[in-house]
Amino acid sequence: MDKCNNYETPHHYYPMVCQAKFNGVDESFYLSNNFTYENGILALKPVFGKYMNWLGSIKRCQKYKSEPFIPRSESDWEWLRIVSSGIDDPLPHNLWLPASDRNVEGILKWVPTEDATHDPFIPWAKNEVMRMNKNKRDCLQLWSGNGHLASMDDCESVYNTLNNYYPMVCKATFR
């Protein structure tokens, strides 16, 4: 694999060495739509005051020709905690993650279909896999009120008097 197609570290080589494109659009498309390089990822992060439900969050990534960021390691999860901590919201808040058991109850899938039920890196609240998975709580989120640990929540939630729900992180990808 050459440096221009190195999926893991595109920021090290673009734009000076490579004329790589993300999803068929130039890097400038992403940068002009508030994507920034964070932790080696060209990412669109949540912004204070911009709340949305889980499906709206998925559509937000599609709108910007990107895909939801799926954490694959402990360091990815730590980065998501930092992103969530960086939302300057005085209330405890939720950060949607791209996994749900909407299709089959009890079987958690990363978007679109990869198994996440037994993902060893998900930092479950109280070490309980699929914590709070019950009626209508089908979507995965991190909650700042418990140290940014994962649990299930109602996919339609946007905000209430106790919590605000922020969209998942979107990332530009090489195609």
N, C-alpha and C. Protein backbone atom coordinates (compact mmCIF):
# COMPACT_ATOMS: atom_id res chain seq x y z
N MET A 1 0.86 -1.17 0.00
CA MET A 1 0.00 0.00 0.00
C MET A 1 0.90 1.24 0.00
N ASP A 2 0.66 2.16 -0.91
CA ASP A 2 1.49 3.36 -0.94
C ASP A 2 1.01 4.38 0.09
N LYS A 3 1.83 5.39 0.32
CA LYS A 3 1.54 6.39 1.35
C LYS A 3 0.23 7.13 1.08
N CYS A 4 -0.10 7.34 -0.19
CA CYS A 4 -1.31 8.09 -0.51
C CYS A 4 -2.57 7.32 -0.14
N ASN A 5 -2.48 6.01 -0.11
CA ASN A 5 -3.65 5.20 0.19
C ASN A 5 -3.60 4.61 1.59
N ASN A 6 -2.70 5.09 2.41
CA ASN A 6 -2.59 4.59 3.77
C ASN A 6 -3.77 5.10 4.58
N TYR A 7 -4.75 4.25 4.76
CA TYR A 7 -6.00 4.60 5.43
C TYR A 7 -5.75 5.10 6.85
N GLU A 8 -4.74 4.55 7.52
CA GLU A 8 -4.53 4.88 8.92
C GLU A 8 -3.98 6.29 9.13
N THR A 9 -3.20 6.81 8.19
CA THR A 9 -2.54 8.09 8.44
C THR A 9 -2.62 9.05 7.25
N PRO A 10 -3.81 9.30 6.69
CA PRO A 10 -3.87 10.18 5.53
C PRO A 10 -3.40 11.59 5.82
N HIS A 11 -3.55 12.06 7.03
CA HIS A 11 -3.18 13.43 7.36
C HIS A 11 -1.68 13.67 7.28
N HIS A 12 -0.89 12.61 7.35
CA HIS A 12 0.56 12.78 7.28
C HIS A 12 1.04 13.12 5.87
N TYR A 13 0.26 12.75 4.86
CA TYR A 13 0.74 12.87 3.49
C TYR A 13 -0.08 13.81 2.63
N TYR A 14 -1.27 14.12 3.01
CA TYR A 14 -2.15 14.95 2.21
C TYR A 14 -2.12 16.37 2.78
N PRO A 15 -2.09 17.44 2.03
CA PRO A 15 -2.20 17.51 0.58
C PRO A 15 -0.86 17.64 -0.13
N MET A 16 0.26 17.79 0.59
CA MET A 16 1.51 18.12 -0.08
C MET A 16 2.03 17.01 -0.99
N VAL A 17 1.88 15.76 -0.60
CA VAL A 17 2.44 14.67 -1.37
C VAL A 17 1.39 14.03 -2.27
N CYS A 18 0.19 13.88 -1.77
CA CYS A 18 -0.84 13.12 -2.49
C CYS A 18 -1.97 14.01 -2.99
N GLN A 19 -2.61 13.57 -4.01
CA GLN A 19 -3.82 14.22 -4.50
C GLN A 19 -4.99 13.29 -4.22
N ALA A 20 -5.00 12.72 -3.03
CA ALA A 20 -6.03 11.76 -2.65
C ALA A 20 -7.38 12.45 -2.56
N LYS A 21 -8.43 11.67 -2.72
CA LYS A 21 -9.78 12.19 -2.58
C LYS A 21 -10.52 11.35 -1.56
N PHE A 22 -11.46 11.98 -0.87
CA PHE A 22 -12.29 11.32 0.12
C PHE A 22 -13.67 11.15 -0.50
N ASN A 23 -14.16 9.92 -0.55
CA ASN A 23 -15.52 9.67 -1.05
C ASN A 23 -15.82 10.40 -2.35
N GLY A 24 -14.84 10.57 -3.20
CA GLY A 24 -15.05 11.21 -4.49
C GLY A 24 -15.12 12.72 -4.43
N VAL A 25 -14.85 13.34 -3.30
CA VAL A 25 -14.82 14.80 -3.20
C VAL A 25 -13.47 15.24 -2.64
N ASP A 26 -13.09 16.46 -2.92
CA ASP A 26 -11.82 16.99 -2.44
C ASP A 26 -11.86 17.24 -0.94
N GLU A 27 -10.69 17.24 -0.35
CA GLU A 27 -10.56 17.54 1.07
C GLU A 27 -11.20 18.89 1.40
N SER A 28 -11.14 19.83 0.47
CA SER A 28 -11.69 21.16 0.71
C SER A 28 -13.19 21.12 1.01
N PHE A 29 -13.91 20.15 0.42
CA PHE A 29 -15.33 19.98 0.72
C PHE A 29 -15.53 19.77 2.21
N TYR A 30 -14.73 18.86 2.79
CA TYR A 30 -14.87 18.55 4.21
C TYR A 30 -14.45 19.73 5.08
N LEU A 31 -13.32 20.33 4.74
CA LEU A 31 -12.82 21.44 5.54
C LEU A 31 -13.78 22.63 5.52
N SER A 32 -14.46 22.84 4.39
CA SER A 32 -15.41 23.95 4.30
C SER A 32 -16.72 23.63 5.03
N ASN A 33 -16.90 22.37 5.42
CA ASN A 33 -18.09 21.97 6.17
C ASN A 33 -17.76 21.62 7.62
N ASN A 34 -16.74 22.28 8.16
CA ASN A 34 -16.37 22.18 9.57
C ASN A 34 -15.75 20.86 10.00
N PHE A 35 -15.28 20.05 9.06
CA PHE A 35 -14.48 18.89 9.44
C PHE A 35 -13.10 19.39 9.83
N THR A 36 -12.49 18.74 10.79
CA THR A 36 -11.12 19.07 11.19
C THR A 36 -10.35 17.77 11.40
N TYR A 37 -9.04 17.87 11.27
CA TYR A 37 -8.22 16.71 11.59
C TYR A 37 -8.11 16.59 13.10
N GLU A 38 -8.55 15.47 13.61
CA GLU A 38 -8.51 15.18 15.04
C GLU A 38 -8.01 13.76 15.21
N ASN A 39 -6.95 13.59 15.96
CA ASN A 39 -6.44 12.25 16.25
C ASN A 39 -6.19 11.46 14.97
N GLY A 40 -5.75 12.14 13.91
CA GLY A 40 -5.48 11.48 12.64
C GLY A 40 -6.70 11.19 11.80
N ILE A 41 -7.85 11.73 12.18
CA ILE A 41 -9.11 11.46 11.48
C ILE A 41 -9.67 12.79 11.01
N LEU A 42 -10.09 12.85 9.75
CA LEU A 42 -10.79 14.04 9.26
C LEU A 42 -12.23 13.88 9.72
N ALA A 43 -12.61 14.63 10.76
CA ALA A 43 -13.85 14.37 11.47
C ALA A 43 -14.74 15.60 11.60
N LEU A 44 -16.04 15.33 11.62
CA LEU A 44 -17.05 16.35 11.93
C LEU A 44 -17.55 16.03 13.33
N LYS A 45 -17.25 16.91 14.28
CA LYS A 45 -17.61 16.67 15.67
C LYS A 45 -18.92 17.39 16.00
N PRO A 46 -19.56 16.99 17.09
CA PRO A 46 -20.76 17.69 17.53
C PRO A 46 -20.44 19.10 18.00
N VAL A 47 -21.43 19.98 17.91
CA VAL A 47 -21.29 21.37 18.31
C VAL A 47 -22.34 21.68 19.38
N PHE A 48 -21.95 22.42 20.40
CA PHE A 48 -22.87 22.78 21.48
C PHE A 48 -24.16 23.38 20.92
N GLY A 49 -25.28 22.90 21.43
CA GLY A 49 -26.58 23.44 21.06
C GLY A 49 -27.21 22.81 19.83
N LYS A 50 -26.49 21.94 19.13
CA LYS A 50 -27.02 21.27 17.93
C LYS A 50 -27.37 19.84 18.30
N TYR A 51 -28.61 19.64 18.75
CA TYR A 51 -29.05 18.33 19.22
C TYR A 51 -29.76 17.58 18.10
N MET A 52 -29.76 16.26 18.18
CA MET A 52 -30.53 15.47 17.23
C MET A 52 -30.70 14.05 17.73
N ASN A 53 -31.67 13.36 17.12
CA ASN A 53 -31.89 11.96 17.49
C ASN A 53 -30.88 11.07 16.76
N TRP A 54 -30.93 9.78 17.04
CA TRP A 54 -29.94 8.85 16.52
C TRP A 54 -29.99 8.77 15.00
N LEU A 55 -31.18 8.59 14.41
CA LEU A 55 -31.28 8.48 12.96
C LEU A 55 -30.88 9.78 12.28
N GLY A 56 -31.26 10.91 12.86
CA GLY A 56 -30.82 12.20 12.32
C GLY A 56 -29.31 12.31 12.31
N SER A 57 -28.69 11.72 13.31
CA SER A 57 -27.24 11.72 13.42
C SER A 57 -26.60 10.91 12.29
N ILE A 58 -27.19 9.76 11.97
CA ILE A 58 -26.72 8.94 10.84
C ILE A 58 -26.86 9.74 9.54
N LYS A 59 -28.02 10.37 9.36
CA LYS A 59 -28.28 11.14 8.13
C LYS A 59 -27.33 12.33 8.01
N ARG A 60 -26.93 12.90 9.14
CA ARG A 60 -25.97 14.01 9.13
C ARG A 60 -24.65 13.55 8.50
N CYS A 61 -24.20 12.37 8.84
CA CYS A 61 -22.97 11.85 8.24
C CYS A 61 -23.16 11.64 6.74
N GLN A 62 -24.29 11.06 6.34
CA GLN A 62 -24.55 10.85 4.92
C GLN A 62 -24.60 12.17 4.16
N LYS A 63 -25.22 13.18 4.75
CA LYS A 63 -25.33 14.49 4.11
C LYS A 63 -23.95 15.04 3.75
N TYR A 64 -22.98 14.79 4.61
CA TYR A 64 -21.63 15.30 4.39
C TYR A 64 -20.69 14.27 3.77
N LYS A 65 -21.28 13.28 3.06
CA LYS A 65 -20.50 12.29 2.32
C LYS A 65 -19.42 11.66 3.20
N SER A 66 -19.84 11.31 4.39
CA SER A 66 -18.93 10.70 5.35
C SER A 66 -19.64 9.51 5.98
N GLU A 67 -18.99 8.89 6.93
CA GLU A 67 -19.63 7.78 7.62
C GLU A 67 -19.44 7.94 9.12
N PRO A 68 -20.33 7.33 9.90
CA PRO A 68 -20.18 7.42 11.35
C PRO A 68 -18.85 6.80 11.79
N PHE A 69 -18.21 7.44 12.73
CA PHE A 69 -16.95 6.94 13.27
C PHE A 69 -17.24 5.77 14.21
N ILE A 70 -16.63 4.62 13.90
CA ILE A 70 -16.76 3.44 14.75
C ILE A 70 -15.46 3.26 15.51
N PRO A 71 -15.50 3.35 16.83
CA PRO A 71 -14.27 3.17 17.62
C PRO A 71 -13.81 1.72 17.58
N ARG A 72 -12.53 1.52 17.26
CA ARG A 72 -11.98 0.17 17.08
C ARG A 72 -10.94 -0.22 18.13
N SER A 73 -10.65 0.71 19.04
CA SER A 73 -9.59 0.44 20.02
C SER A 73 -9.86 1.25 21.28
N GLU A 74 -9.10 0.96 22.31
CA GLU A 74 -9.21 1.75 23.53
C GLU A 74 -8.87 3.21 23.29
N SER A 75 -7.88 3.45 22.44
CA SER A 75 -7.50 4.85 22.16
C SER A 75 -8.61 5.57 21.40
N ASP A 76 -9.34 4.88 20.51
CA ASP A 76 -10.50 5.49 19.84
C ASP A 76 -11.56 5.89 20.86
N TRP A 77 -11.82 5.01 21.83
CA TRP A 77 -12.81 5.32 22.86
C TRP A 77 -12.36 6.49 23.71
N GLU A 78 -11.07 6.53 24.03
CA GLU A 78 -10.56 7.65 24.82
C GLU A 78 -10.73 8.96 24.04
N TRP A 79 -10.47 8.92 22.73
CA TRP A 79 -10.66 10.11 21.91
C TRP A 79 -12.13 10.55 21.93
N LEU A 80 -13.07 9.59 21.84
CA LEU A 80 -14.49 9.95 21.89
C LEU A 80 -14.85 10.58 23.24
N ARG A 81 -14.26 10.10 24.32
CA ARG A 81 -14.50 10.71 25.63
C ARG A 81 -14.01 12.16 25.64
N ILE A 82 -12.87 12.39 25.01
CA ILE A 82 -12.33 13.75 24.92
C ILE A 82 -13.25 14.64 24.09
N VAL A 83 -13.74 14.11 22.96
CA VAL A 83 -14.68 14.85 22.11
C VAL A 83 -15.93 15.20 22.92
N SER A 84 -16.48 14.22 23.63
CA SER A 84 -17.68 14.44 24.42
C SER A 84 -17.42 15.45 25.54
N SER A 85 -16.26 15.35 26.17
CA SER A 85 -15.90 16.30 27.23
C SER A 85 -15.75 17.71 26.68
N GLY A 86 -15.39 17.82 25.41
CA GLY A 86 -15.17 19.12 24.78
C GLY A 86 -16.44 19.87 24.42
N ILE A 87 -17.60 19.21 24.54
CA ILE A 87 -18.87 19.88 24.28
C ILE A 87 -19.16 20.73 25.52
N ASP A 88 -19.20 22.01 25.33
CA ASP A 88 -19.32 22.94 26.46
C ASP A 88 -20.78 23.08 26.88
N ASP A 89 -21.37 21.99 27.35
CA ASP A 89 -22.77 21.97 27.75
C ASP A 89 -22.84 21.85 29.27
N PRO A 90 -23.54 22.76 29.94
CA PRO A 90 -23.62 22.68 31.40
C PRO A 90 -24.41 21.48 31.91
N LEU A 91 -25.26 20.91 31.07
CA LEU A 91 -26.02 19.72 31.46
C LEU A 91 -25.24 18.46 31.13
N PRO A 92 -25.51 17.35 31.85
CA PRO A 92 -24.98 16.08 31.37
C PRO A 92 -25.51 15.87 29.95
N HIS A 93 -24.70 15.29 29.11
CA HIS A 93 -25.14 15.12 27.73
C HIS A 93 -24.75 13.75 27.19
N ASN A 94 -25.41 13.39 26.11
CA ASN A 94 -25.21 12.11 25.45
C ASN A 94 -24.56 12.35 24.11
N LEU A 95 -23.71 11.44 23.71
CA LEU A 95 -23.10 11.45 22.38
C LEU A 95 -23.51 10.15 21.71
N TRP A 96 -24.32 10.26 20.64
CA TRP A 96 -24.76 9.06 19.94
C TRP A 96 -23.56 8.33 19.34
N LEU A 97 -23.67 7.01 19.29
CA LEU A 97 -22.67 6.15 18.67
C LEU A 97 -23.37 5.29 17.62
N PRO A 98 -22.66 4.89 16.56
CA PRO A 98 -23.31 4.22 15.43
C PRO A 98 -23.56 2.73 15.64
N ALA A 99 -24.30 2.40 16.68
CA ALA A 99 -24.69 1.00 16.92
C ALA A 99 -26.09 0.98 17.51
N SER A 100 -26.82 -0.08 17.16
CA SER A 100 -28.17 -0.23 17.72
C SER A 100 -28.59 -1.70 17.65
N ASP A 101 -29.67 -2.00 18.36
CA ASP A 101 -30.29 -3.33 18.23
C ASP A 101 -31.71 -3.16 17.72
N ARG A 102 -31.90 -2.15 16.87
CA ARG A 102 -33.22 -1.85 16.32
C ARG A 102 -33.76 -2.99 15.45
N ASN A 103 -32.89 -3.71 14.77
CA ASN A 103 -33.36 -4.78 13.88
C ASN A 103 -33.69 -6.07 14.63
N VAL A 104 -32.82 -6.46 15.57
CA VAL A 104 -33.04 -7.67 16.36
C VAL A 104 -32.74 -7.32 17.81
N GLU A 105 -33.75 -7.36 18.65
CA GLU A 105 -33.58 -7.02 20.07
C GLU A 105 -32.49 -7.89 20.71
N GLY A 106 -31.56 -7.22 21.36
CA GLY A 106 -30.48 -7.92 22.06
C GLY A 106 -29.25 -8.19 21.23
N ILE A 107 -29.30 -7.90 19.92
CA ILE A 107 -28.15 -8.08 19.03
C ILE A 107 -27.70 -6.70 18.57
N LEU A 108 -26.63 -6.21 19.17
CA LEU A 108 -26.12 -4.88 18.86
C LEU A 108 -25.26 -4.93 17.61
N LYS A 109 -25.53 -4.03 16.67
CA LYS A 109 -24.78 -3.98 15.40
C LYS A 109 -24.25 -2.58 15.17
N TRP A 110 -22.96 -2.53 14.76
CA TRP A 110 -22.42 -1.26 14.26
C TRP A 110 -23.08 -0.99 12.93
N VAL A 111 -23.28 0.24 12.57
CA VAL A 111 -23.85 0.60 11.28
C VAL A 111 -22.83 0.26 10.20
N PRO A 112 -23.20 -0.50 9.14
CA PRO A 112 -24.54 -0.98 8.88
C PRO A 112 -24.85 -2.34 9.49
N THR A 113 -23.88 -3.30 9.54
CA THR A 113 -24.28 -4.63 9.99
C THR A 113 -23.24 -5.39 10.81
N GLU A 114 -22.17 -4.79 11.18
CA GLU A 114 -21.10 -5.50 11.89
C GLU A 114 -21.47 -5.71 13.36
N ASP A 115 -21.25 -6.94 13.85
CA ASP A 115 -21.60 -7.27 15.24
C ASP A 115 -20.86 -6.39 16.24
N ALA A 116 -21.59 -5.88 17.21
CA ALA A 116 -20.98 -5.06 18.27
C ALA A 116 -21.37 -5.57 19.65
N THR A 117 -22.22 -6.60 19.71
CA THR A 117 -22.73 -7.06 20.99
C THR A 117 -21.61 -7.40 21.97
N HIS A 118 -20.57 -8.04 21.48
CA HIS A 118 -19.48 -8.46 22.36
C HIS A 118 -18.18 -7.74 22.03
N ASP A 119 -18.28 -6.54 21.50
CA ASP A 119 -17.09 -5.74 21.20
C ASP A 119 -16.34 -5.51 22.52
N PRO A 120 -15.08 -5.96 22.59
CA PRO A 120 -14.35 -5.87 23.86
C PRO A 120 -13.97 -4.45 24.27
N PHE A 121 -14.07 -3.50 23.35
CA PHE A 121 -13.63 -2.15 23.65
C PHE A 121 -14.75 -1.21 24.13
N ILE A 122 -16.01 -1.62 23.99
CA ILE A 122 -17.10 -0.74 24.42
C ILE A 122 -17.04 -0.60 25.94
N PRO A 123 -16.92 0.63 26.43
CA PRO A 123 -16.82 0.85 27.88
C PRO A 123 -18.21 0.92 28.53
N TRP A 124 -18.82 -0.24 28.75
CA TRP A 124 -20.18 -0.29 29.26
C TRP A 124 -20.27 0.26 30.68
N ALA A 125 -21.29 1.03 30.94
CA ALA A 125 -21.57 1.51 32.29
C ALA A 125 -21.80 0.30 33.19
N LYS A 126 -21.24 0.33 34.37
CA LYS A 126 -21.36 -0.74 35.36
C LYS A 126 -20.90 -2.09 34.81
N ASN A 127 -20.07 -2.08 33.76
CA ASN A 127 -19.59 -3.30 33.10
C ASN A 127 -20.72 -4.23 32.68
N GLU A 128 -21.87 -3.66 32.38
CA GLU A 128 -23.05 -4.43 31.99
C GLU A 128 -23.29 -4.25 30.50
N VAL A 129 -23.06 -5.34 29.74
CA VAL A 129 -23.24 -5.29 28.28
C VAL A 129 -24.67 -4.88 27.96
N MET A 130 -24.79 -3.90 27.06
CA MET A 130 -26.07 -3.34 26.64
C MET A 130 -26.86 -2.77 27.81
N ARG A 131 -26.15 -2.10 28.69
CA ARG A 131 -26.73 -1.46 29.88
C ARG A 131 -27.97 -0.64 29.51
N MET A 132 -29.05 -0.87 30.24
CA MET A 132 -30.33 -0.16 30.10
C MET A 132 -31.07 -0.50 28.80
N ASN A 133 -30.76 -1.64 28.21
CA ASN A 133 -31.45 -2.06 26.99
C ASN A 133 -32.82 -2.61 27.36
N LYS A 134 -33.84 -1.79 27.18
CA LYS A 134 -35.22 -2.20 27.43
C LYS A 134 -36.11 -1.47 26.45
N ASN A 135 -37.41 -1.46 26.70
CA ASN A 135 -38.36 -0.83 25.78
C ASN A 135 -37.82 0.45 25.16
N LYS A 136 -37.75 0.46 23.86
CA LYS A 136 -37.37 1.63 23.06
C LYS A 136 -35.95 2.13 23.29
N ARG A 137 -35.18 1.48 24.12
CA ARG A 137 -33.78 1.88 24.33
C ARG A 137 -32.92 0.99 23.44
N ASP A 138 -32.85 1.36 22.17
CA ASP A 138 -32.21 0.52 21.17
C ASP A 138 -30.92 1.09 20.60
N CYS A 139 -30.52 2.29 21.00
CA CYS A 139 -29.36 2.94 20.38
C CYS A 139 -28.26 3.22 21.40
N LEU A 140 -27.04 3.05 20.95
CA LEU A 140 -25.86 3.19 21.81
C LEU A 140 -25.46 4.66 21.95
N GLN A 141 -25.08 5.04 23.18
CA GLN A 141 -24.63 6.41 23.44
C GLN A 141 -23.64 6.43 24.59
N LEU A 142 -22.83 7.48 24.61
CA LEU A 142 -21.96 7.78 25.76
C LEU A 142 -22.65 8.87 26.55
N TRP A 143 -22.65 8.75 27.87
CA TRP A 143 -23.28 9.75 28.71
C TRP A 143 -22.23 10.42 29.58
N SER A 144 -22.17 11.74 29.54
CA SER A 144 -21.16 12.47 30.30
C SER A 144 -21.40 12.39 31.80
N GLY A 145 -22.62 12.10 32.20
CA GLY A 145 -22.96 12.06 33.62
C GLY A 145 -22.38 10.88 34.38
N ASN A 146 -21.84 9.90 33.65
CA ASN A 146 -21.27 8.73 34.33
C ASN A 146 -19.81 8.51 33.93
N GLY A 147 -19.14 9.55 33.53
CA GLY A 147 -17.74 9.40 33.13
C GLY A 147 -17.57 9.00 31.68
N HIS A 148 -18.58 9.25 30.86
CA HIS A 148 -18.54 8.94 29.43
C HIS A 148 -18.47 7.43 29.20
N LEU A 149 -19.37 6.72 29.87
CA LEU A 149 -19.50 5.29 29.67
C LEU A 149 -20.71 5.02 28.79
N ALA A 150 -20.74 3.84 28.16
CA ALA A 150 -21.77 3.51 27.17
C ALA A 150 -22.98 2.85 27.82
N SER A 151 -24.13 3.15 27.24
CA SER A 151 -25.38 2.48 27.60
C SER A 151 -26.35 2.67 26.43
N MET A 152 -27.48 2.02 26.52
CA MET A 152 -28.50 2.11 25.48
C MET A 152 -29.49 3.21 25.86
N ASP A 153 -30.08 3.84 24.83
CA ASP A 153 -31.07 4.89 25.10
C ASP A 153 -32.09 4.91 23.97
N ASP A 154 -33.15 5.66 24.18
CA ASP A 154 -34.23 5.80 23.20
C ASP A 154 -33.70 6.52 21.97
N CYS A 155 -33.78 5.88 20.82
CA CYS A 155 -33.23 6.42 19.56
C CYS A 155 -33.87 7.75 19.16
N GLU A 156 -35.06 8.02 19.65
CA GLU A 156 -35.76 9.25 19.27
C GLU A 156 -35.42 10.44 20.17
N SER A 157 -34.64 10.21 21.21
CA SER A 157 -34.31 11.30 22.14
C SER A 157 -33.50 12.38 21.45
N VAL A 158 -33.81 13.63 21.76
CA VAL A 158 -33.09 14.79 21.25
C VAL A 158 -32.60 15.63 22.43
N TYR A 159 -33.51 15.98 23.32
CA TYR A 159 -33.15 16.69 24.55
C TYR A 159 -34.31 16.58 25.53
N ASN A 160 -33.99 16.76 26.79
CA ASN A 160 -35.01 16.83 27.83
C ASN A 160 -34.44 17.69 28.96
N THR A 161 -35.13 17.75 30.06
CA THR A 161 -34.67 18.64 31.14
C THR A 161 -33.39 18.14 31.80
N LEU A 162 -33.02 16.90 31.57
CA LEU A 162 -31.83 16.34 32.22
C LEU A 162 -30.65 16.15 31.29
N ASN A 163 -30.90 15.96 30.00
CA ASN A 163 -29.84 15.62 29.05
C ASN A 163 -30.06 16.27 27.70
N ASN A 164 -28.97 16.51 27.00
CA ASN A 164 -29.01 16.91 25.60
C ASN A 164 -28.32 15.81 24.80
N TYR A 165 -28.82 15.54 23.61
CA TYR A 165 -28.31 14.45 22.78
C TYR A 165 -27.59 15.03 21.57
N TYR A 166 -26.32 14.71 21.45
CA TYR A 166 -25.49 15.24 20.38
C TYR A 166 -25.23 14.17 19.32
N PRO A 167 -25.06 14.61 18.06
CA PRO A 167 -24.84 13.65 16.98
C PRO A 167 -23.49 12.95 17.11
N MET A 168 -23.43 11.77 16.52
CA MET A 168 -22.18 11.02 16.51
C MET A 168 -21.14 11.74 15.67
N VAL A 169 -19.90 11.37 15.87
CA VAL A 169 -18.80 11.90 15.08
C VAL A 169 -18.86 11.27 13.69
N CYS A 170 -18.72 12.09 12.65
CA CYS A 170 -18.66 11.61 11.27
C CYS A 170 -17.21 11.69 10.81
N LYS A 171 -16.80 10.74 9.98
CA LYS A 171 -15.43 10.81 9.46
C LYS A 171 -15.42 10.65 7.96
N ALA A 172 -14.55 11.43 7.33
CA ALA A 172 -14.32 11.29 5.89
C ALA A 172 -13.50 10.03 5.69
N THR A 173 -13.75 9.32 4.61
CA THR A 173 -13.00 8.08 4.36
C THR A 173 -12.49 8.05 2.94
N PHE A 174 -11.39 7.34 2.75
CA PHE A 174 -10.88 7.11 1.40
C PHE A 174 -11.73 6.08 0.72
N ARG A 175 -11.98 6.29 -0.56
CA ARG A 175 -12.72 5.29 -1.36
C ARG A 175 -11.89 4.96 -2.57
